[in-house]
Amino acid sequence: MQGIEPKFHSSLKDRMEYYRSLLKKTTDDADIQPSDMISKVSELSELYEDYLTQKRQLEKSIKNYRQYHNDLRKQLTLKVRELKRKVRQK
């Protein structure tokens, strides 16, 4: 199947969770520089956009695989019917 690898997916989610927890900690920290906070927010935003892109690709791949599987099943059903007809005719 095409799409994203489960390891990549979980790694991306772990990184997003890590940055989210850092952002929560930094909101309580009065000593943090605004530029640091902005860079962390932008990194989290990029990770989230990457996650959404990969998720869409995975959903598309699953849809394509399902269609491919259904088409093969229909072809197989037709061939089985043909074989049954041939057996009955003999």
PDB file of N, CA and C in Angstrom:
ATOM      1  N   MET A   1       0.842  -1.168   0.000  1.00  0.00           N
ATOM      2  CA  MET A   1       0.000   0.000   0.000  1.00  0.00           C
ATOM      3  C   MET A   1       0.893   1.239   0.000  1.00  0.00           C
ATOM      4  N   GLN A   2       0.437   2.257  -0.697  1.00  0.00           N
ATOM      5  CA  GLN A   2       1.174   3.505  -0.709  1.00  0.00           C
ATOM      6  C   GLN A   2       0.806   4.318   0.514  1.00  0.00           C
ATOM      7  N   GLY A   3       1.460   5.443   0.678  1.00  0.00           N
ATOM      8  CA  GLY A   3       1.127   6.306   1.802  1.00  0.00           C
ATOM      9  C   GLY A   3       2.277   6.432   2.759  1.00  0.00           C
ATOM     10  N   ILE A   4       1.995   6.964   3.896  1.00  0.00           N
ATOM     11  CA  ILE A   4       3.062   7.190   4.866  1.00  0.00           C
ATOM     12  C   ILE A   4       3.323   5.937   5.675  1.00  0.00           C
ATOM     13  N   GLU A   5       4.541   5.830   6.116  1.00  0.00           N
ATOM     14  CA  GLU A   5       4.923   4.709   6.959  1.00  0.00           C
ATOM     15  C   GLU A   5       4.415   4.952   8.375  1.00  0.00           C
ATOM     16  N   PRO A   6       3.979   3.912   9.078  1.00  0.00           N
ATOM     17  CA  PRO A   6       3.508   4.096  10.464  1.00  0.00           C
ATOM     18  C   PRO A   6       4.569   4.697  11.379  1.00  0.00           C
ATOM     19  N   LYS A   7       5.830   4.351  11.178  1.00  0.00           N
ATOM     20  CA  LYS A   7       6.896   4.900  12.016  1.00  0.00           C
ATOM     21  C   LYS A   7       7.000   6.404  11.819  1.00  0.00           C
ATOM     22  N   PHE A   8       6.925   6.838  10.575  1.00  0.00           N
ATOM     23  CA  PHE A   8       7.002   8.263  10.284  1.00  0.00           C
ATOM     24  C   PHE A   8       5.818   8.987  10.904  1.00  0.00           C
ATOM     25  N   HIS A   9       4.647   8.388  10.781  1.00  0.00           N
ATOM     26  CA  HIS A   9       3.425   8.970  11.335  1.00  0.00           C
ATOM     27  C   HIS A   9       3.541   9.141  12.850  1.00  0.00           C
ATOM     28  N   SER A  10       3.968   8.110  13.532  1.00  0.00           N
ATOM     29  CA  SER A  10       4.081   8.196  14.995  1.00  0.00           C
ATOM     30  C   SER A  10       5.216   9.135  15.399  1.00  0.00           C
ATOM     31  N   SER A  11       6.305   9.162  14.627  1.00  0.00           N
ATOM     32  CA  SER A  11       7.401  10.078  14.915  1.00  0.00           C
ATOM     33  C   SER A  11       6.933  11.516  14.786  1.00  0.00           C
ATOM     34  N   LEU A  12       6.166  11.785  13.762  1.00  0.00           N
ATOM     35  CA  LEU A  12       5.638  13.129  13.560  1.00  0.00           C
ATOM     36  C   LEU A  12       4.705  13.523  14.687  1.00  0.00           C
ATOM     37  N   LYS A  13       3.854  12.605  15.105  1.00  0.00           N
ATOM     38  CA  LYS A  13       2.951  12.893  16.220  1.00  0.00           C
ATOM     39  C   LYS A  13       3.732  13.120  17.515  1.00  0.00           C
ATOM     40  N   ASP A  14       4.786  12.345  17.726  1.00  0.00           N
ATOM     41  CA  ASP A  14       5.608  12.518  18.933  1.00  0.00           C
ATOM     42  C   ASP A  14       6.284  13.887  18.940  1.00  0.00           C
ATOM     43  N   ARG A  15       6.810  14.294  17.787  1.00  0.00           N
ATOM     44  CA  ARG A  15       7.446  15.611  17.708  1.00  0.00           C
ATOM     45  C   ARG A  15       6.432  16.718  17.931  1.00  0.00           C
ATOM     46  N   MET A  16       5.245  16.558  17.381  1.00  0.00           N
ATOM     47  CA  MET A  16       4.208  17.565  17.594  1.00  0.00           C
ATOM     48  C   MET A  16       3.850  17.662  19.075  1.00  0.00           C
ATOM     49  N   GLU A  17       3.728  16.535  19.722  1.00  0.00           N
ATOM     50  CA  GLU A  17       3.398  16.520  21.155  1.00  0.00           C
ATOM     51  C   GLU A  17       4.521  17.156  21.984  1.00  0.00           C
ATOM     52  N   TYR A  18       5.751  16.882  21.592  1.00  0.00           N
ATOM     53  CA  TYR A  18       6.900  17.466  22.291  1.00  0.00           C
ATOM     54  C   TYR A  18       6.866  18.995  22.188  1.00  0.00           C
ATOM     55  N   TYR A  19       6.664  19.507  20.969  1.00  0.00           N
ATOM     56  CA  TYR A  19       6.626  20.959  20.800  1.00  0.00           C
ATOM     57  C   TYR A  19       5.415  21.574  21.493  1.00  0.00           C
ATOM     58  N   ARG A  20       4.326  20.866  21.496  1.00  0.00           N
ATOM     59  CA  ARG A  20       3.142  21.363  22.193  1.00  0.00           C
ATOM     60  C   ARG A  20       3.424  21.492  23.693  1.00  0.00           C
ATOM     61  N   SER A  21       4.085  20.487  24.255  1.00  0.00           N
ATOM     62  CA  SER A  21       4.405  20.565  25.691  1.00  0.00           C
ATOM     63  C   SER A  21       5.409  21.684  25.973  1.00  0.00           C
ATOM     64  N   LEU A  22       6.369  21.890  25.061  1.00  0.00           N
ATOM     65  CA  LEU A  22       7.309  22.999  25.226  1.00  0.00           C
ATOM     66  C   LEU A  22       6.579  24.338  25.216  1.00  0.00           C
ATOM     67  N   LEU A  23       5.618  24.462  24.317  1.00  0.00           N
ATOM     68  CA  LEU A  23       4.868  25.723  24.253  1.00  0.00           C
ATOM     69  C   LEU A  23       4.078  25.965  25.530  1.00  0.00           C
ATOM     70  N   LYS A  24       3.513  24.902  26.074  1.00  0.00           N
ATOM     71  CA  LYS A  24       2.775  25.058  27.334  1.00  0.00           C
ATOM     72  C   LYS A  24       3.707  25.515  28.456  1.00  0.00           C
ATOM     73  N   LYS A  25       4.916  24.940  28.486  1.00  0.00           N
ATOM     74  CA  LYS A  25       5.883  25.320  29.516  1.00  0.00           C
ATOM     75  C   LYS A  25       6.342  26.761  29.330  1.00  0.00           C
ATOM     76  N   THR A  26       6.532  27.165  28.081  1.00  0.00           N
ATOM     77  CA  THR A  26       7.054  28.507  27.825  1.00  0.00           C
ATOM     78  C   THR A  26       6.029  29.591  28.126  1.00  0.00           C
ATOM     79  N   THR A  27       4.763  29.280  28.057  1.00  0.00           N
ATOM     80  CA  THR A  27       3.768  30.308  28.389  1.00  0.00           C
ATOM     81  C   THR A  27       3.827  30.660  29.869  1.00  0.00           C
ATOM     82  N   ASP A  28       4.260  29.715  30.694  1.00  0.00           N
ATOM     83  CA  ASP A  28       4.390  29.977  32.128  1.00  0.00           C
ATOM     84  C   ASP A  28       5.724  30.633  32.482  1.00  0.00           C
ATOM     85  N   ASP A  29       6.696  30.538  31.578  1.00  0.00           N
ATOM     86  CA  ASP A  29       8.032  31.067  31.837  1.00  0.00           C
ATOM     87  C   ASP A  29       8.107  32.540  31.412  1.00  0.00           C
ATOM     88  N   ALA A  30       8.366  33.419  32.359  1.00  0.00           N
ATOM     89  CA  ALA A  30       8.424  34.856  32.073  1.00  0.00           C
ATOM     90  C   ALA A  30       9.752  35.254  31.439  1.00  0.00           C
ATOM     91  N   ASP A  31      10.786  34.424  31.548  1.00  0.00           N
ATOM     92  CA  ASP A  31      12.121  34.767  31.047  1.00  0.00           C
ATOM     93  C   ASP A  31      12.324  34.447  29.571  1.00  0.00           C
ATOM     94  N   ILE A  32      11.375  33.804  28.949  1.00  0.00           N
ATOM     95  CA  ILE A  32      11.572  33.383  27.559  1.00  0.00           C
ATOM     96  C   ILE A  32      11.476  34.572  26.606  1.00  0.00           C
ATOM     97  N   GLN A  33      12.291  34.528  25.596  1.00  0.00           N
ATOM     98  CA  GLN A  33      12.313  35.587  24.591  1.00  0.00           C
ATOM     99  C   GLN A  33      11.160  35.388  23.602  1.00  0.00           C
ATOM    100  N   PRO A  34      10.530  36.460  23.170  1.00  0.00           N
ATOM    101  CA  PRO A  34       9.431  36.336  22.198  1.00  0.00           C
ATOM    102  C   PRO A  34       9.865  35.669  20.890  1.00  0.00           C
ATOM    103  N   SER A  35      11.095  35.900  20.479  1.00  0.00           N
ATOM    104  CA  SER A  35      11.569  35.274  19.232  1.00  0.00           C
ATOM    105  C   SER A  35      11.639  33.756  19.377  1.00  0.00           C
ATOM    106  N   ASP A  36      12.042  33.284  20.562  1.00  0.00           N
ATOM    107  CA  ASP A  36      12.073  31.837  20.806  1.00  0.00           C
ATOM    108  C   ASP A  36      10.672  31.248  20.744  1.00  0.00           C
ATOM    109  N   MET A  37       9.738  31.954  21.332  1.00  0.00           N
ATOM    110  CA  MET A  37       8.368  31.469  21.334  1.00  0.00           C
ATOM    111  C   MET A  37       7.803  31.447  19.912  1.00  0.00           C
ATOM    112  N   ILE A  38       8.104  32.475  19.142  1.00  0.00           N
ATOM    113  CA  ILE A  38       7.618  32.537  17.758  1.00  0.00           C
ATOM    114  C   ILE A  38       8.211  31.393  16.943  1.00  0.00           C
ATOM    115  N   SER A  39       9.489  31.116  17.122  1.00  0.00           N
ATOM    116  CA  SER A  39      10.109  30.020  16.370  1.00  0.00           C
ATOM    117  C   SER A  39       9.507  28.675  16.753  1.00  0.00           C
ATOM    118  N   LYS A  40       9.210  28.497  18.033  1.00  0.00           N
ATOM    119  CA  LYS A  40       8.593  27.236  18.465  1.00  0.00           C
ATOM    120  C   LYS A  40       7.176  27.101  17.915  1.00  0.00           C
ATOM    121  N   VAL A  41       6.449  28.193  17.901  1.00  0.00           N
ATOM    122  CA  VAL A  41       5.083  28.159  17.365  1.00  0.00           C
ATOM    123  C   VAL A  41       5.118  27.864  15.868  1.00  0.00           C
ATOM    124  N   SER A  42       6.047  28.484  15.157  1.00  0.00           N
ATOM    125  CA  SER A  42       6.126  28.234  13.716  1.00  0.00           C
ATOM    126  C   SER A  42       6.546  26.797  13.424  1.00  0.00           C
ATOM    127  N   GLU A  43       7.454  26.252  14.235  1.00  0.00           N
ATOM    128  CA  GLU A  43       7.861  24.848  14.061  1.00  0.00           C
ATOM    129  C   GLU A  43       6.680  23.911  14.290  1.00  0.00           C
ATOM    130  N   LEU A  44       5.905  24.189  15.319  1.00  0.00           N
ATOM    131  CA  LEU A  44       4.725  23.374  15.592  1.00  0.00           C
ATOM    132  C   LEU A  44       3.714  23.486  14.446  1.00  0.00           C
ATOM    133  N   SER A  45       3.556  24.670  13.919  1.00  0.00           N
ATOM    134  CA  SER A  45       2.637  24.874  12.802  1.00  0.00           C
ATOM    135  C   SER A  45       3.096  24.097  11.567  1.00  0.00           C
ATOM    136  N   GLU A  46       4.390  24.135  11.283  1.00  0.00           N
ATOM    137  CA  GLU A  46       4.929  23.379  10.151  1.00  0.00           C
ATOM    138  C   GLU A  46       4.729  21.882  10.340  1.00  0.00           C
ATOM    139  N   LEU A  47       4.966  21.404  11.530  1.00  0.00           N
ATOM    140  CA  LEU A  47       4.775  19.977  11.805  1.00  0.00           C
ATOM    141  C   LEU A  47       3.312  19.587  11.614  1.00  0.00           C
ATOM    142  N   TYR A  48       2.420  20.442  12.070  1.00  0.00           N
ATOM    143  CA  TYR A  48       0.999  20.148  11.939  1.00  0.00           C
ATOM    144  C   TYR A  48       0.582  20.134  10.477  1.00  0.00           C
ATOM    145  N   GLU A  49       1.076  21.069   9.681  1.00  0.00           N
ATOM    146  CA  GLU A  49       0.769  21.091   8.251  1.00  0.00           C
ATOM    147  C   GLU A  49       1.325  19.847   7.564  1.00  0.00           C
ATOM    148  N   ASP A  50       2.524  19.447   7.952  1.00  0.00           N
ATOM    149  CA  ASP A  50       3.127  18.233   7.401  1.00  0.00           C
ATOM    150  C   ASP A  50       2.279  17.015   7.767  1.00  0.00           C
ATOM    151  N   TYR A  51       1.825  16.976   9.001  1.00  0.00           N
ATOM    152  CA  TYR A  51       0.963  15.887   9.456  1.00  0.00           C
ATOM    153  C   TYR A  51      -0.325  15.822   8.636  1.00  0.00           C
ATOM    154  N   LEU A  52      -0.951  16.962   8.409  1.00  0.00           N
ATOM    155  CA  LEU A  52      -2.192  16.983   7.632  1.00  0.00           C
ATOM    156  C   LEU A  52      -1.968  16.531   6.192  1.00  0.00           C
ATOM    157  N   THR A  53      -0.857  16.947   5.611  1.00  0.00           N
ATOM    158  CA  THR A  53      -0.531  16.535   4.248  1.00  0.00           C
ATOM    159  C   THR A  53      -0.347  15.023   4.172  1.00  0.00           C
ATOM    160  N   GLN A  54       0.407  14.486   5.109  1.00  0.00           N
ATOM    161  CA  GLN A  54       0.647  13.042   5.121  1.00  0.00           C
ATOM    162  C   GLN A  54      -0.647  12.273   5.384  1.00  0.00           C
ATOM    163  N   LYS A  55      -1.483  12.818   6.231  1.00  0.00           N
ATOM    164  CA  LYS A  55      -2.756  12.164   6.527  1.00  0.00           C
ATOM    165  C   LYS A  55      -3.641  12.111   5.278  1.00  0.00           C
ATOM    166  N   ARG A  56      -3.685  13.210   4.528  1.00  0.00           N
ATOM    167  CA  ARG A  56      -4.469  13.229   3.281  1.00  0.00           C
ATOM    168  C   ARG A  56      -3.927  12.215   2.288  1.00  0.00           C
ATOM    169  N   GLN A  57      -2.605  12.119   2.187  1.00  0.00           N
ATOM    170  CA  GLN A  57      -2.005  11.143   1.277  1.00  0.00           C
ATOM    171  C   GLN A  57      -2.359   9.724   1.684  1.00  0.00           C
ATOM    172  N   LEU A  58      -2.336   9.467   2.974  1.00  0.00           N
ATOM    173  CA  LEU A  58      -2.682   8.143   3.466  1.00  0.00           C
ATOM    174  C   LEU A  58      -4.145   7.825   3.167  1.00  0.00           C
ATOM    175  N   GLU A  59      -5.034   8.760   3.404  1.00  0.00           N
ATOM    176  CA  GLU A  59      -6.448   8.540   3.122  1.00  0.00           C
ATOM    177  C   GLU A  59      -6.678   8.292   1.640  1.00  0.00           C
ATOM    178  N   LYS A  60      -5.975   9.026   0.798  1.00  0.00           N
ATOM    179  CA  LYS A  60      -6.092   8.828  -0.652  1.00  0.00           C
ATOM    180  C   LYS A  60      -5.581   7.444  -1.047  1.00  0.00           C
ATOM    181  N   SER A  61      -4.465   7.031  -0.453  1.00  0.00           N
ATOM    182  CA  SER A  61      -3.909   5.711  -0.754  1.00  0.00           C
ATOM    183  C   SER A  61      -4.859   4.601  -0.321  1.00  0.00           C
ATOM    184  N   ILE A  62      -5.467   4.770   0.830  1.00  0.00           N
ATOM    185  CA  ILE A  62      -6.426   3.765   1.310  1.00  0.00           C
ATOM    186  C   ILE A  62      -7.619   3.686   0.369  1.00  0.00           C
ATOM    187  N   LYS A  63      -8.093   4.828  -0.071  1.00  0.00           N
ATOM    188  CA  LYS A  63      -9.226   4.861  -1.007  1.00  0.00           C
ATOM    189  C   LYS A  63      -8.855   4.166  -2.318  1.00  0.00           C
ATOM    190  N   ASN A  64      -7.660   4.461  -2.844  1.00  0.00           N
ATOM    191  CA  ASN A  64      -7.202   3.824  -4.086  1.00  0.00           C
ATOM    192  C   ASN A  64      -7.055   2.311  -3.904  1.00  0.00           C
ATOM    193  N   TYR A  65      -6.515   1.894  -2.781  1.00  0.00           N
ATOM    194  CA  TYR A  65      -6.348   0.471  -2.518  1.00  0.00           C
ATOM    195  C   TYR A  65      -7.700  -0.224  -2.438  1.00  0.00           C
ATOM    196  N   ARG A  66      -8.646   0.399  -1.760  1.00  0.00           N
ATOM    197  CA  ARG A  66      -9.990  -0.171  -1.642  1.00  0.00           C
ATOM    198  C   ARG A  66     -10.620  -0.336  -3.025  1.00  0.00           C
ATOM    199  N   GLN A  67     -10.475   0.685  -3.876  1.00  0.00           N
ATOM    200  CA  GLN A  67     -11.024   0.605  -5.233  1.00  0.00           C
ATOM    201  C   GLN A  67     -10.350  -0.507  -6.030  1.00  0.00           C
ATOM    202  N   TYR A  68      -9.033  -0.595  -5.912  1.00  0.00           N
ATOM    203  CA  TYR A  68      -8.279  -1.640  -6.597  1.00  0.00           C
ATOM    204  C   TYR A  68      -8.738  -3.024  -6.137  1.00  0.00           C
ATOM    205  N   HIS A  69      -8.896  -3.189  -4.838  1.00  0.00           N
ATOM    206  CA  HIS A  69      -9.344  -4.464  -4.275  1.00  0.00           C
ATOM    207  C   HIS A  69     -10.748  -4.816  -4.773  1.00  0.00           C
ATOM    208  N   ASN A  70     -11.644  -3.849  -4.787  1.00  0.00           N
ATOM    209  CA  ASN A  70     -13.012  -4.111  -5.263  1.00  0.00           C
ATOM    210  C   ASN A  70     -13.027  -4.477  -6.741  1.00  0.00           C
ATOM    211  N   ASP A  71     -12.211  -3.816  -7.536  1.00  0.00           N
ATOM    212  CA  ASP A  71     -12.134  -4.151  -8.962  1.00  0.00           C
ATOM    213  C   ASP A  71     -11.623  -5.570  -9.174  1.00  0.00           C
ATOM    214  N   LEU A  72     -10.603  -5.954  -8.420  1.00  0.00           N
ATOM    215  CA  LEU A  72     -10.082  -7.322  -8.533  1.00  0.00           C
ATOM    216  C   LEU A  72     -11.122  -8.353  -8.111  1.00  0.00           C
ATOM    217  N   ARG A  73     -11.854  -8.037  -7.054  1.00  0.00           N
ATOM    218  CA  ARG A  73     -12.884  -8.949  -6.575  1.00  0.00           C
ATOM    219  C   ARG A  73     -13.981  -9.137  -7.634  1.00  0.00           C
ATOM    220  N   LYS A  74     -14.361  -8.053  -8.297  1.00  0.00           N
ATOM    221  CA  LYS A  74     -15.376  -8.148  -9.353  1.00  0.00           C
ATOM    222  C   LYS A  74     -14.879  -8.994 -10.510  1.00  0.00           C
ATOM    223  N   GLN A  75     -13.630  -8.802 -10.901  1.00  0.00           N
ATOM    224  CA  GLN A  75     -13.059  -9.606 -11.986  1.00  0.00           C
ATOM    225  C   GLN A  75     -13.018 -11.077 -11.611  1.00  0.00           C
ATOM    226  N   LEU A  76     -12.641 -11.351 -10.389  1.00  0.00           N
ATOM    227  CA  LEU A  76     -12.577 -12.735  -9.932  1.00  0.00           C
ATOM    228  C   LEU A  76     -13.968 -13.368  -9.924  1.00  0.00           C
ATOM    229  N   THR A  77     -14.958 -12.618  -9.488  1.00  0.00           N
ATOM    230  CA  THR A  77     -16.324 -13.125  -9.460  1.00  0.00           C
ATOM    231  C   THR A  77     -16.788 -13.476 -10.870  1.00  0.00           C
ATOM    232  N   LEU A  78     -16.492 -12.629 -11.826  1.00  0.00           N
ATOM    233  CA  LEU A  78     -16.875 -12.908 -13.211  1.00  0.00           C
ATOM    234  C   LEU A  78     -16.183 -14.167 -13.740  1.00  0.00           C
ATOM    235  N   LYS A  79     -14.919 -14.329 -13.435  1.00  0.00           N
ATOM    236  CA  LYS A  79     -14.191 -15.523 -13.902  1.00  0.00           C
ATOM    237  C   LYS A  79     -14.732 -16.796 -13.261  1.00  0.00           C
ATOM    238  N   VAL A  80     -15.089 -16.713 -11.987  1.00  0.00           N
ATOM    239  CA  VAL A  80     -15.658 -17.876 -11.308  1.00  0.00           C
ATOM    240  C   VAL A  80     -16.996 -18.246 -11.956  1.00  0.00           C
ATOM    241  N   ARG A  81     -17.812 -17.275 -12.287  1.00  0.00           N
ATOM    242  CA  ARG A  81     -19.094 -17.542 -12.950  1.00  0.00           C
ATOM    243  C   ARG A  81     -18.889 -18.200 -14.305  1.00  0.00           C
ATOM    244  N   GLU A  82     -17.910 -17.700 -15.045  1.00  0.00           N
ATOM    245  CA  GLU A  82     -17.614 -18.301 -16.350  1.00  0.00           C
ATOM    246  C   GLU A  82     -17.189 -19.758 -16.191  1.00  0.00           C
ATOM    247  N   LEU A  83     -16.340 -20.013 -15.214  1.00  0.00           N
ATOM    248  CA  LEU A  83     -15.892 -21.389 -14.990  1.00  0.00           C
ATOM    249  C   LEU A  83     -17.058 -22.299 -14.597  1.00  0.00           C
ATOM    250  N   LYS A  84     -17.971 -21.796 -13.781  1.00  0.00           N
ATOM    251  CA  LYS A  84     -19.141 -22.585 -13.391  1.00  0.00           C
ATOM    252  C   LYS A  84     -20.015 -22.898 -14.590  1.00  0.00           C
ATOM    253  N   ARG A  85     -20.191 -21.931 -15.475  1.00  0.00           N
ATOM    254  CA  ARG A  85     -20.981 -22.157 -16.690  1.00  0.00           C
ATOM    255  C   ARG A  85     -20.340 -23.233 -17.563  1.00  0.00           C
ATOM    256  N   LYS A  86     -19.013 -23.167 -17.699  1.00  0.00           N
ATOM    257  CA  LYS A  86     -18.311 -24.153 -18.518  1.00  0.00           C
ATOM    258  C   LYS A  86     -18.463 -25.554 -17.921  1.00  0.00           C
ATOM    259  N   VAL A  87     -18.396 -25.632 -16.609  1.00  0.00           N
ATOM    260  CA  VAL A  87     -18.534 -26.940 -15.959  1.00  0.00           C
ATOM    261  C   VAL A  87     -19.940 -27.482 -16.166  1.00  0.00           C
ATOM    262  N   ARG A  88     -20.945 -26.647 -16.072  1.00  0.00           N
ATOM    263  CA  ARG A  88     -22.338 -27.081 -16.269  1.00  0.00           C
ATOM    264  C   ARG A  88     -22.590 -27.533 -17.690  1.00  0.00           C
ATOM    265  N   GLN A  89     -21.967 -26.864 -18.647  1.00  0.00           N
ATOM    266  CA  GLN A  89     -22.174 -27.216 -20.049  1.00  0.00           C
ATOM    267  C   GLN A  89     -21.579 -28.563 -20.403  1.00  0.00           C
ATOM    268  N   LYS A  90     -20.584 -28.982 -19.688  1.00  0.00           N
ATOM    269  CA  LYS A  90     -19.934 -30.268 -19.990  1.00  0.00           C
ATOM    270  C   LYS A  90     -20.673 -31.393 -19.404  1.00  0.00           C
TER     271      LYS A  90
END
